[in-house]
């Protein structure tokens, strides 16, 4: 199931970024360290083609450190690309980012040749919070609603280092189903994009398969029986533990789902990363095959209709 979610202001952001990127020397892409590939915007990758890239895996304090190391190696092996892992509380973020950028483009320095950098990322990836910490003032609006930063801003990290901040922007169609669920779990897409109960069940299914001890500890589940629980059984257990029960003992699945998603987003379950490079490659391959099959089916129906019209 592909997700289509593209508010009007994000289309304006795309146009603004396309225009600005012509005049910058390199780009910084902010990613969510808990879902690095899912939080990469393919539209931005197209717009930034040919530009050196620094990928920042933000919110590393919420992510699985072992998987973060794997992702950093994955990105650092790519051409004209460097990767750093940061979080909003990193007091050395400015120094780390500016040093990495200058090392990638040593020829751009001094007032006559300032290093011009465009920074972008999807909504709720923590870009504005990080920038506010870097500049020491509230230069970018922040909030929990996707796409709250809506205007480009030029920030001066040094006399010869110009940083262009842009609004958070998603892409029109998310074809990788697992990616859509991961984005929804992180809060990057609006609540109307996917049903929260469905998102919570998908999240619990991944966690029970890859982070079972964290689930058991957070929700105080008996280890032996809970080792065999499926996603729905986990959601019902959490509902009862959290008092999400309606009259007559009925489970309030919506309230339980909200609890699970809040716990994940706040890091209360533990340090979790919802994908590995290999998992992402497998998901993407499957999604491309599905898209190709749907396209072939549409073309076949179109050809059949055309043939029928010619016969009549």
C-alpha atoms as a PDB file:
ATOM      1  CA  UNK A   1       0.000   0.000   0.000  1.00  0.00           C
ATOM      2  CA  UNK A   2       1.651   3.217  -1.183  1.00  0.00           C
ATOM      3  CA  UNK A   3       1.148   6.392   0.855  1.00  0.00           C
ATOM      4  CA  UNK A   4       0.312   9.628  -0.933  1.00  0.00           C
ATOM      5  CA  UNK A   5       0.604  12.682   1.288  1.00  0.00           C
ATOM      6  CA  UNK A   6       1.864  15.982  -0.093  1.00  0.00           C
ATOM      7  CA  UNK A   7       0.428  19.182   1.469  1.00  0.00           C
ATOM      8  CA  UNK A   8       0.424  22.279  -0.718  1.00  0.00           C
ATOM      9  CA  UNK A   9       3.175  24.084   1.190  1.00  0.00           C
ATOM     10  CA  UNK A  10       5.511  21.138   0.521  1.00  0.00           C
ATOM     11  CA  UNK A  11       5.063  21.609  -3.212  1.00  0.00           C
ATOM     12  CA  UNK A  12       6.093  25.251  -2.737  1.00  0.00           C
ATOM     13  CA  UNK A  13       9.093  24.071  -0.716  1.00  0.00           C
ATOM     14  CA  UNK A  14      10.167  21.820  -3.581  1.00  0.00           C
ATOM     15  CA  UNK A  15      10.172  24.761  -5.987  1.00  0.00           C
ATOM     16  CA  UNK A  16      12.112  26.925  -3.537  1.00  0.00           C
ATOM     17  CA  UNK A  17      14.728  24.226  -2.987  1.00  0.00           C
ATOM     18  CA  UNK A  18      15.084  23.596  -6.732  1.00  0.00           C
ATOM     19  CA  UNK A  19      15.829  27.282  -7.240  1.00  0.00           C
ATOM     20  CA  UNK A  20      18.208  27.695  -4.293  1.00  0.00           C
ATOM     21  CA  UNK A  21      20.218  24.543  -4.963  1.00  0.00           C
ATOM     22  CA  UNK A  22      21.599  26.108  -8.155  1.00  0.00           C
ATOM     23  CA  UNK A  23      23.623  28.607  -6.132  1.00  0.00           C
ATOM     24  CA  UNK A  24      25.008  26.423  -3.316  1.00  0.00           C
ATOM     25  CA  UNK A  25      28.239  24.437  -3.168  1.00  0.00           C
ATOM     26  CA  UNK A  26      27.006  21.384  -1.267  1.00  0.00           C
ATOM     27  CA  UNK A  27      24.029  20.002   0.625  1.00  0.00           C
ATOM     28  CA  UNK A  28      23.381  18.607   4.076  1.00  0.00           C
ATOM     29  CA  UNK A  29      20.566  16.100   4.418  1.00  0.00           C
ATOM     30  CA  UNK A  30      19.166  15.496   7.868  1.00  0.00           C
ATOM     31  CA  UNK A  31      18.016  11.914   8.435  1.00  0.00           C
ATOM     32  CA  UNK A  32      16.348  10.209  11.361  1.00  0.00           C
ATOM     33  CA  UNK A  33      18.920   7.769  12.764  1.00  0.00           C
ATOM     34  CA  UNK A  34      16.066   5.390  13.667  1.00  0.00           C
ATOM     35  CA  UNK A  35      14.993   5.120  10.002  1.00  0.00           C
ATOM     36  CA  UNK A  36      17.818   6.471   7.832  1.00  0.00           C
ATOM     37  CA  UNK A  37      16.721   5.230   4.398  1.00  0.00           C
ATOM     38  CA  UNK A  38      13.020   5.793   5.028  1.00  0.00           C
ATOM     39  CA  UNK A  39      13.768   9.416   5.954  1.00  0.00           C
ATOM     40  CA  UNK A  40      15.748  10.059   2.762  1.00  0.00           C
ATOM     41  CA  UNK A  41      13.725  12.124   0.309  1.00  0.00           C
ATOM     42  CA  UNK A  42      14.249  10.799  -3.258  1.00  0.00           C
ATOM     43  CA  UNK A  43      13.031  14.125  -4.673  1.00  0.00           C
ATOM     44  CA  UNK A  44      15.785  15.957  -2.818  1.00  0.00           C
ATOM     45  CA  UNK A  45      18.317  13.416  -4.043  1.00  0.00           C
ATOM     46  CA  UNK A  46      17.317  14.222  -7.618  1.00  0.00           C
ATOM     47  CA  UNK A  47      17.499  17.974  -7.027  1.00  0.00           C
ATOM     48  CA  UNK A  48      20.932  17.679  -5.378  1.00  0.00           C
ATOM     49  CA  UNK A  49      22.452  15.376  -7.989  1.00  0.00           C
ATOM     50  CA  UNK A  50      26.113  16.250  -8.555  1.00  0.00           C
ATOM     51  CA  UNK A  51      26.521  18.156  -5.283  1.00  0.00           C
ATOM     52  CA  UNK A  52      28.721  16.866  -2.436  1.00  0.00           C
ATOM     53  CA  UNK A  53      26.510  15.589   0.378  1.00  0.00           C
ATOM     54  CA  UNK A  54      26.842  15.438   4.141  1.00  0.00           C
ATOM     55  CA  UNK A  55      24.276  13.120   5.696  1.00  0.00           C
ATOM     56  CA  UNK A  56      23.500  13.751   9.342  1.00  0.00           C
ATOM     57  CA  UNK A  57      21.901  10.873  11.232  1.00  0.00           C
ATOM     58  CA  UNK A  58      20.041  12.911  13.815  1.00  0.00           C
ATOM     59  CA  UNK A  59      18.475  11.607  17.034  1.00  0.00           C
ATOM     60  CA  UNK A  60      21.283   9.089  17.433  1.00  0.00           C
ATOM     61  CA  UNK A  61      20.549   9.052  21.164  1.00  0.00           C
ATOM     62  CA  UNK A  62      17.243   7.310  20.344  1.00  0.00           C
ATOM     63  CA  UNK A  63      18.709   4.891  17.786  1.00  0.00           C
ATOM     64  CA  UNK A  64      20.393   1.504  18.113  1.00  0.00           C
ATOM     65  CA  UNK A  65      24.134   2.378  18.296  1.00  0.00           C
ATOM     66  CA  UNK A  66      25.224  -0.814  16.526  1.00  0.00           C
ATOM     67  CA  UNK A  67      22.890  -0.178  13.620  1.00  0.00           C
ATOM     68  CA  UNK A  68      23.919   3.490  13.508  1.00  0.00           C
ATOM     69  CA  UNK A  69      27.525   2.378  12.988  1.00  0.00           C
ATOM     70  CA  UNK A  70      26.411   0.158  10.103  1.00  0.00           C
ATOM     71  CA  UNK A  71      24.512   3.028   8.482  1.00  0.00           C
ATOM     72  CA  UNK A  72      27.456   5.409   8.849  1.00  0.00           C
ATOM     73  CA  UNK A  73      29.711   2.900   7.081  1.00  0.00           C
ATOM     74  CA  UNK A  74      27.074   2.442   4.380  1.00  0.00           C
ATOM     75  CA  UNK A  75      26.884   6.170   3.610  1.00  0.00           C
ATOM     76  CA  UNK A  76      30.590   6.895   3.989  1.00  0.00           C
ATOM     77  CA  UNK A  77      31.291   4.297   1.297  1.00  0.00           C
ATOM     78  CA  UNK A  78      29.271   6.326  -1.233  1.00  0.00           C
ATOM     79  CA  UNK A  79      30.878   8.756  -3.680  1.00  0.00           C
ATOM     80  CA  UNK A  80      31.078  12.434  -2.618  1.00  0.00           C
ATOM     81  CA  UNK A  81      29.277  11.596   0.605  1.00  0.00           C
ATOM     82  CA  UNK A  82      30.097  11.817   4.284  1.00  0.00           C
ATOM     83  CA  UNK A  83      27.955  10.892   7.249  1.00  0.00           C
ATOM     84  CA  UNK A  84      27.805  12.006  10.867  1.00  0.00           C
ATOM     85  CA  UNK A  85      25.634  10.880  13.768  1.00  0.00           C
ATOM     86  CA  UNK A  86      24.360  13.654  16.036  1.00  0.00           C
ATOM     87  CA  UNK A  87      21.589  14.561  18.413  1.00  0.00           C
ATOM     88  CA  UNK A  88      20.103  17.907  19.386  1.00  0.00           C
ATOM     89  CA  UNK A  89      21.961  17.981  22.713  1.00  0.00           C
ATOM     90  CA  UNK A  90      25.406  17.732  21.068  1.00  0.00           C
ATOM     91  CA  UNK A  91      27.257  20.889  22.120  1.00  0.00           C
ATOM     92  CA  UNK A  92      29.863  20.311  19.418  1.00  0.00           C
ATOM     93  CA  UNK A  93      27.374  19.969  16.568  1.00  0.00           C
ATOM     94  CA  UNK A  94      28.364  23.241  14.888  1.00  0.00           C
ATOM     95  CA  UNK A  95      32.072  22.402  14.942  1.00  0.00           C
ATOM     96  CA  UNK A  96      31.503  18.861  13.661  1.00  0.00           C
ATOM     97  CA  UNK A  97      29.256  19.967  10.813  1.00  0.00           C
ATOM     98  CA  UNK A  98      31.357  22.925   9.669  1.00  0.00           C
ATOM     99  CA  UNK A  99      34.568  20.872   9.848  1.00  0.00           C
ATOM    100  CA  UNK A 100      33.068  18.065   7.782  1.00  0.00           C
ATOM    101  CA  UNK A 101      31.778  20.514   5.165  1.00  0.00           C
ATOM    102  CA  UNK A 102      35.088  22.360   4.904  1.00  0.00           C
ATOM    103  CA  UNK A 103      36.977  19.080   4.539  1.00  0.00           C
ATOM    104  CA  UNK A 104      34.718  18.142   1.631  1.00  0.00           C
ATOM    105  CA  UNK A 105      35.254  21.513  -0.112  1.00  0.00           C
ATOM    106  CA  UNK A 106      38.589  22.926   1.084  1.00  0.00           C
ATOM    107  CA  UNK A 107      38.673  25.412  -1.788  1.00  0.00           C
ATOM    108  CA  UNK A 108      35.669  27.318  -0.489  1.00  0.00           C
ATOM    109  CA  UNK A 109      36.809  29.592   2.329  1.00  0.00           C
ATOM    110  CA  UNK A 110      37.265  33.252   3.133  1.00  0.00           C
ATOM    111  CA  UNK A 111      34.826  36.128   2.664  1.00  0.00           C
ATOM    112  CA  UNK A 112      35.470  36.209  -1.085  1.00  0.00           C
ATOM    113  CA  UNK A 113      34.618  32.509  -1.457  1.00  0.00           C
ATOM    114  CA  UNK A 114      32.160  31.626   1.307  1.00  0.00           C
ATOM    115  CA  UNK A 115      31.025  28.039   1.594  1.00  0.00           C
ATOM    116  CA  UNK A 116      27.327  28.029   0.721  1.00  0.00           C
ATOM    117  CA  UNK A 117      25.445  25.046   2.102  1.00  0.00           C
ATOM    118  CA  UNK A 118      21.808  24.018   1.758  1.00  0.00           C
ATOM    119  CA  UNK A 119      20.340  21.933   4.584  1.00  0.00           C
ATOM    120  CA  UNK A 120      17.143  19.965   4.135  1.00  0.00           C
ATOM    121  CA  UNK A 121      15.225  17.055   5.574  1.00  0.00           C
ATOM    122  CA  UNK A 122      11.776  15.583   5.992  1.00  0.00           C
ATOM    123  CA  UNK A 123       9.359  16.956   8.619  1.00  0.00           C
ATOM    124  CA  UNK A 124      10.023  16.155  12.277  1.00  0.00           C
ATOM    125  CA  UNK A 125      13.554  14.932  11.640  1.00  0.00           C
ATOM    126  CA  UNK A 126      14.836  17.453  14.191  1.00  0.00           C
ATOM    127  CA  UNK A 127      16.477  19.863  11.758  1.00  0.00           C
ATOM    128  CA  UNK A 128      15.088  23.070  13.247  1.00  0.00           C
ATOM    129  CA  UNK A 129      15.935  22.016  16.801  1.00  0.00           C
ATOM    130  CA  UNK A 130      19.511  21.222  15.788  1.00  0.00           C
ATOM    131  CA  UNK A 131      19.893  24.516  13.928  1.00  0.00           C
ATOM    132  CA  UNK A 132      18.566  26.474  16.894  1.00  0.00           C
ATOM    133  CA  UNK A 133      21.198  24.809  19.048  1.00  0.00           C
ATOM    134  CA  UNK A 134      23.911  25.568  16.493  1.00  0.00           C
ATOM    135  CA  UNK A 135      23.055  29.270  16.227  1.00  0.00           C
ATOM    136  CA  UNK A 136      22.279  29.773  19.910  1.00  0.00           C
ATOM    137  CA  UNK A 137      18.947  31.379  19.199  1.00  0.00           C
ATOM    138  CA  UNK A 138      15.492  30.447  18.011  1.00  0.00           C
ATOM    139  CA  UNK A 139      16.152  31.069  14.332  1.00  0.00           C
ATOM    140  CA  UNK A 140      13.857  28.321  13.053  1.00  0.00           C
ATOM    141  CA  UNK A 141      10.324  27.598  14.183  1.00  0.00           C
ATOM    142  CA  UNK A 142       9.865  24.147  15.644  1.00  0.00           C
ATOM    143  CA  UNK A 143       6.833  22.046  16.401  1.00  0.00           C
ATOM    144  CA  UNK A 144       5.331  18.578  16.351  1.00  0.00           C
ATOM    145  CA  UNK A 145       3.278  19.100  13.212  1.00  0.00           C
ATOM    146  CA  UNK A 146       5.005  17.923  10.017  1.00  0.00           C
ATOM    147  CA  UNK A 147       6.251  20.791   7.863  1.00  0.00           C
ATOM    148  CA  UNK A 148       6.105  23.560  10.498  1.00  0.00           C
ATOM    149  CA  UNK A 149       9.136  25.399   9.032  1.00  0.00           C
ATOM    150  CA  UNK A 150       7.723  26.993   5.904  1.00  0.00           C
ATOM    151  CA  UNK A 151      10.202  29.623   4.699  1.00  0.00           C
ATOM    152  CA  UNK A 152      13.839  29.539   3.627  1.00  0.00           C
ATOM    153  CA  UNK A 153      16.274  31.193   6.008  1.00  0.00           C
ATOM    154  CA  UNK A 154      19.934  32.113   5.538  1.00  0.00           C
ATOM    155  CA  UNK A 155      22.045  31.570   8.634  1.00  0.00           C
ATOM    156  CA  UNK A 156      25.668  32.608   9.161  1.00  0.00           C
ATOM    157  CA  UNK A 157      27.649  30.022  11.110  1.00  0.00           C
ATOM    158  CA  UNK A 158      30.783  32.010  10.245  1.00  0.00           C
ATOM    159  CA  UNK A 159      31.605  34.943   7.972  1.00  0.00           C
ATOM    160  CA  UNK A 160      32.489  32.473   5.234  1.00  0.00           C
ATOM    161  CA  UNK A 161      29.953  29.743   6.017  1.00  0.00           C
ATOM    162  CA  UNK A 162      26.406  30.379   4.875  1.00  0.00           C
ATOM    163  CA  UNK A 163      23.712  27.869   5.734  1.00  0.00           C
ATOM    164  CA  UNK A 164      20.392  27.948   3.906  1.00  0.00           C
ATOM    165  CA  UNK A 165      17.636  26.295   5.936  1.00  0.00           C
ATOM    166  CA  UNK A 166      14.583  24.992   4.063  1.00  0.00           C
ATOM    167  CA  UNK A 167      11.142  23.679   5.067  1.00  0.00           C
ATOM    168  CA  UNK A 168      10.695  19.994   5.817  1.00  0.00           C
ATOM    169  CA  UNK A 169       9.432  18.242   2.714  1.00  0.00           C
ATOM    170  CA  UNK A 170       8.082  14.790   1.939  1.00  0.00           C
ATOM    171  CA  UNK A 171       7.655  13.300  -1.504  1.00  0.00           C
ATOM    172  CA  UNK A 172       4.297  12.738  -3.256  1.00  0.00           C
ATOM    173  CA  UNK A 173       4.218   8.935  -3.169  1.00  0.00           C
ATOM    174  CA  UNK A 174       5.914   6.589  -0.709  1.00  0.00           C
ATOM    175  CA  UNK A 175       6.024   3.257  -2.549  1.00  0.00           C
ATOM    176  CA  UNK A 176       7.927   1.225   0.080  1.00  0.00           C
ATOM    177  CA  UNK A 177       5.207   0.023   2.458  1.00  0.00           C
ATOM    178  CA  UNK A 178       7.579  -0.563   5.379  1.00  0.00           C
ATOM    179  CA  UNK A 179       8.984   2.917   4.885  1.00  0.00           C
ATOM    180  CA  UNK A 180       5.524   4.437   5.157  1.00  0.00           C
ATOM    181  CA  UNK A 181       4.904   2.691   8.463  1.00  0.00           C
ATOM    182  CA  UNK A 182       8.311   3.736   9.799  1.00  0.00           C
ATOM    183  CA  UNK A 183       7.710   7.361   8.851  1.00  0.00           C
ATOM    184  CA  UNK A 184       4.305   7.278  10.502  1.00  0.00           C
ATOM    185  CA  UNK A 185       5.751   5.685  13.647  1.00  0.00           C
ATOM    186  CA  UNK A 186       8.330   8.470  13.903  1.00  0.00           C
ATOM    187  CA  UNK A 187       5.715  11.192  13.411  1.00  0.00           C
ATOM    188  CA  UNK A 188       7.105  12.395  10.079  1.00  0.00           C
ATOM    189  CA  UNK A 189       3.754  12.090   8.304  1.00  0.00           C
ATOM    190  CA  UNK A 190       0.457  13.494   9.507  1.00  0.00           C
ATOM    191  CA  UNK A 191      -1.973  11.463  11.583  1.00  0.00           C
ATOM    192  CA  UNK A 192      -4.373  11.308   8.631  1.00  0.00           C
ATOM    193  CA  UNK A 193      -1.893   9.432   6.423  1.00  0.00           C
ATOM    194  CA  UNK A 194      -2.213   6.062   8.175  1.00  0.00           C
ATOM    195  CA  UNK A 195      -4.394   4.626  10.925  1.00  0.00           C
ATOM    196  CA  UNK A 196      -2.497   4.833  14.230  1.00  0.00           C
ATOM    197  CA  UNK A 197      -3.643   1.412  15.349  1.00  0.00           C
ATOM    198  CA  UNK A 198      -2.299  -0.116  12.139  1.00  0.00           C
ATOM    199  CA  UNK A 199       0.992   1.752  12.551  1.00  0.00           C
ATOM    200  CA  UNK A 200       1.338   0.588  16.153  1.00  0.00           C
ATOM    201  CA  UNK A 201       0.678  -3.032  15.173  1.00  0.00           C
ATOM    202  CA  UNK A 202       3.345  -2.871  12.452  1.00  0.00           C
ATOM    203  CA  UNK A 203       5.770  -1.302  14.914  1.00  0.00           C
ATOM    204  CA  UNK A 204       5.067  -3.970  17.532  1.00  0.00           C
ATOM    205  CA  UNK A 205       5.512  -6.698  14.937  1.00  0.00           C
ATOM    206  CA  UNK A 206       8.975  -5.367  14.061  1.00  0.00           C
ATOM    207  CA  UNK A 207       9.942  -4.873  17.689  1.00  0.00           C
ATOM    208  CA  UNK A 208       8.865  -8.359  18.784  1.00  0.00           C
ATOM    209  CA  UNK A 209      11.038  -9.821  16.013  1.00  0.00           C
ATOM    210  CA  UNK A 210      14.098  -7.619  16.492  1.00  0.00           C
ATOM    211  CA  UNK A 211      13.905  -5.996  19.958  1.00  0.00           C
ATOM    212  CA  UNK A 212      11.901  -8.437  22.058  1.00  0.00           C
ATOM    213  CA  UNK A 213      13.853  -7.906  25.337  1.00  0.00           C
ATOM    214  CA  UNK A 214      13.196  -4.164  25.154  1.00  0.00           C
ATOM    215  CA  UNK A 215       9.469  -4.759  24.706  1.00  0.00           C
ATOM    216  CA  UNK A 216       9.345  -7.210  27.586  1.00  0.00           C
ATOM    217  CA  UNK A 217      11.201  -4.859  29.914  1.00  0.00           C
ATOM    218  CA  UNK A 218       9.226  -1.729  29.015  1.00  0.00           C
ATOM    219  CA  UNK A 219       5.816  -3.348  29.397  1.00  0.00           C
ATOM    220  CA  UNK A 220       6.729  -5.776  32.195  1.00  0.00           C
ATOM    221  CA  UNK A 221       5.698  -8.864  30.290  1.00  0.00           C
ATOM    222  CA  UNK A 222       6.469 -12.413  31.449  1.00  0.00           C
ATOM    223  CA  UNK A 223       9.307 -13.540  29.213  1.00  0.00           C
ATOM    224  CA  UNK A 224       8.206 -17.091  28.433  1.00  0.00           C
ATOM    225  CA  UNK A 225       4.635 -16.470  27.235  1.00  0.00           C
ATOM    226  CA  UNK A 226       5.378 -13.078  25.650  1.00  0.00           C
ATOM    227  CA  UNK A 227       8.102 -14.634  23.489  1.00  0.00           C
ATOM    228  CA  UNK A 228       5.290 -16.176  21.436  1.00  0.00           C
ATOM    229  CA  UNK A 229       2.898 -13.228  21.320  1.00  0.00           C
ATOM    230  CA  UNK A 230       1.939 -11.644  18.001  1.00  0.00           C
ATOM    231  CA  UNK A 231       1.404  -7.912  17.436  1.00  0.00           C
ATOM    232  CA  UNK A 232      -2.275  -7.856  18.489  1.00  0.00           C
ATOM    233  CA  UNK A 233      -1.528  -9.763  21.699  1.00  0.00           C
ATOM    234  CA  UNK A 234       1.161  -7.224  22.530  1.00  0.00           C
ATOM    235  CA  UNK A 235      -1.206  -4.317  21.911  1.00  0.00           C
ATOM    236  CA  UNK A 236      -3.857  -5.893  24.163  1.00  0.00           C
ATOM    237  CA  UNK A 237      -1.287  -6.517  26.903  1.00  0.00           C
ATOM    238  CA  UNK A 238      -0.105  -2.903  26.730  1.00  0.00           C
ATOM    239  CA  UNK A 239      -3.706  -1.667  26.817  1.00  0.00           C
ATOM    240  CA  UNK A 240      -4.351  -3.521  30.056  1.00  0.00           C
ATOM    241  CA  UNK A 241      -1.052  -2.420  31.595  1.00  0.00           C
ATOM    242  CA  UNK A 242      -1.828   1.219  30.753  1.00  0.00           C
ATOM    243  CA  UNK A 243      -5.509   1.153  31.699  1.00  0.00           C
ATOM    244  CA  UNK A 244      -6.689   1.593  28.119  1.00  0.00           C
ATOM    245  CA  UNK A 245      -9.844  -0.400  28.769  1.00  0.00           C
ATOM    246  CA  UNK A 246     -13.427   0.609  28.024  1.00  0.00           C
ATOM    247  CA  UNK A 247     -16.600  -0.352  29.873  1.00  0.00           C
ATOM    248  CA  UNK A 248     -17.222  -4.064  29.988  1.00  0.00           C
ATOM    249  CA  UNK A 249     -13.502  -4.780  29.773  1.00  0.00           C
ATOM    250  CA  UNK A 250     -13.265  -3.927  26.087  1.00  0.00           C
ATOM    251  CA  UNK A 251      -9.826  -2.924  24.805  1.00  0.00           C
ATOM    252  CA  UNK A 252      -9.345   0.695  23.764  1.00  0.00           C
ATOM    253  CA  UNK A 253      -7.060  -0.087  20.825  1.00  0.00           C
ATOM    254  CA  UNK A 254      -6.736   3.553  19.769  1.00  0.00           C
ATOM    255  CA  UNK A 255      -5.525   4.641  23.202  1.00  0.00           C
ATOM    256  CA  UNK A 256      -3.138   1.687  23.416  1.00  0.00           C
ATOM    257  CA  UNK A 257      -1.741   2.510  19.970  1.00  0.00           C
ATOM    258  CA  UNK A 258      -1.160   6.123  21.006  1.00  0.00           C
ATOM    259  CA  UNK A 259       0.729   4.870  24.065  1.00  0.00           C
ATOM    260  CA  UNK A 260       2.995   2.638  21.971  1.00  0.00           C
ATOM    261  CA  UNK A 261       3.786   5.360  19.427  1.00  0.00           C
ATOM    262  CA  UNK A 262       4.489   7.944  22.127  1.00  0.00           C
ATOM    263  CA  UNK A 263       6.793   5.525  23.930  1.00  0.00           C
ATOM    264  CA  UNK A 264       8.703   4.821  20.723  1.00  0.00           C
ATOM    265  CA  UNK A 265       9.045   8.480  19.742  1.00  0.00           C
ATOM    266  CA  UNK A 266      10.255   9.450  23.220  1.00  0.00           C
ATOM    267  CA  UNK A 267      12.744   6.587  23.400  1.00  0.00           C
ATOM    268  CA  UNK A 268      10.948   4.981  26.352  1.00  0.00           C
ATOM    269  CA  UNK A 269      11.069   1.472  24.863  1.00  0.00           C
ATOM    270  CA  UNK A 270      14.806   1.746  24.271  1.00  0.00           C
ATOM    271  CA  UNK A 271      17.300   2.671  21.563  1.00  0.00           C
ATOM    272  CA  UNK A 272      15.753   1.298  18.392  1.00  0.00           C
ATOM    273  CA  UNK A 273      16.462   1.466  14.657  1.00  0.00           C
ATOM    274  CA  UNK A 274      13.685   0.195  12.423  1.00  0.00           C
ATOM    275  CA  UNK A 275      15.764  -0.777   9.395  1.00  0.00           C
ATOM    276  CA  UNK A 276      19.182  -1.920   8.218  1.00  0.00           C
ATOM    277  CA  UNK A 277      20.738  -1.243   4.795  1.00  0.00           C
ATOM    278  CA  UNK A 278      20.014  -4.820   3.735  1.00  0.00           C
ATOM    279  CA  UNK A 279      16.422  -4.704   4.937  1.00  0.00           C
ATOM    280  CA  UNK A 280      15.887  -1.453   3.080  1.00  0.00           C
ATOM    281  CA  UNK A 281      17.384  -2.886  -0.115  1.00  0.00           C
ATOM    282  CA  UNK A 282      15.034  -5.872   0.109  1.00  0.00           C
ATOM    283  CA  UNK A 283      11.993  -3.668   0.771  1.00  0.00           C
ATOM    284  CA  UNK A 284      12.861  -1.337  -2.094  1.00  0.00           C
ATOM    285  CA  UNK A 285      13.375  -4.203  -4.528  1.00  0.00           C
ATOM    286  CA  UNK A 286      10.001  -5.673  -3.562  1.00  0.00           C
ATOM    287  CA  UNK A 287       8.294  -2.292  -3.935  1.00  0.00           C
ATOM    288  CA  UNK A 288       9.814  -1.698  -7.377  1.00  0.00           C
ATOM    289  CA  UNK A 289       8.664  -5.135  -8.530  1.00  0.00           C
ATOM    290  CA  UNK A 290       5.158  -4.417  -7.260  1.00  0.00           C
ATOM    291  CA  UNK A 291       5.087  -1.038  -9.003  1.00  0.00           C
ATOM    292  CA  UNK A 292       6.287  -2.634 -12.253  1.00  0.00           C
ATOM    293  CA  UNK A 293       3.585  -5.311 -12.026  1.00  0.00           C
ATOM    294  CA  UNK A 294       0.889  -2.680 -11.433  1.00  0.00           C
ATOM    295  CA  UNK A 295       2.160  -0.643 -14.383  1.00  0.00           C
ATOM    296  CA  UNK A 296       2.114  -3.715 -16.648  1.00  0.00           C
ATOM    297  CA  UNK A 297      -1.426  -4.481 -15.488  1.00  0.00           C
ATOM    298  CA  UNK A 298      -2.584  -0.941 -16.262  1.00  0.00           C
ATOM    299  CA  UNK A 299      -0.983  -1.027 -19.694  1.00  0.00           C
ATOM    300  CA  UNK A 300      -2.589  -4.393 -20.426  1.00  0.00           C
ATOM    301  CA  UNK A 301      -6.026  -3.030 -19.514  1.00  0.00           C
ATOM    302  CA  UNK A 302      -5.386   0.045 -21.653  1.00  0.00           C
ATOM    303  CA  UNK A 303      -4.368  -2.107 -24.618  1.00  0.00           C
ATOM    304  CA  UNK A 304      -7.447  -4.293 -24.154  1.00  0.00           C
ATOM    305  CA  UNK A 305      -9.728  -1.258 -24.128  1.00  0.00           C
ATOM    306  CA  UNK A 306      -8.038   0.120 -27.246  1.00  0.00           C
ATOM    307  CA  UNK A 307      -8.391  -3.216 -29.024  1.00  0.00           C
ATOM    308  CA  UNK A 308     -12.067  -3.426 -28.089  1.00  0.00           C
ATOM    309  CA  UNK A 309     -12.689   0.087 -29.427  1.00  0.00           C
ATOM    310  CA  UNK A 310     -11.021  -0.700 -32.748  1.00  0.00           C
ATOM    311  CA  UNK A 311     -13.090  -3.854 -33.148  1.00  0.00           C
ATOM    312  CA  UNK A 312     -16.332  -1.988 -32.659  1.00  0.00           C
END
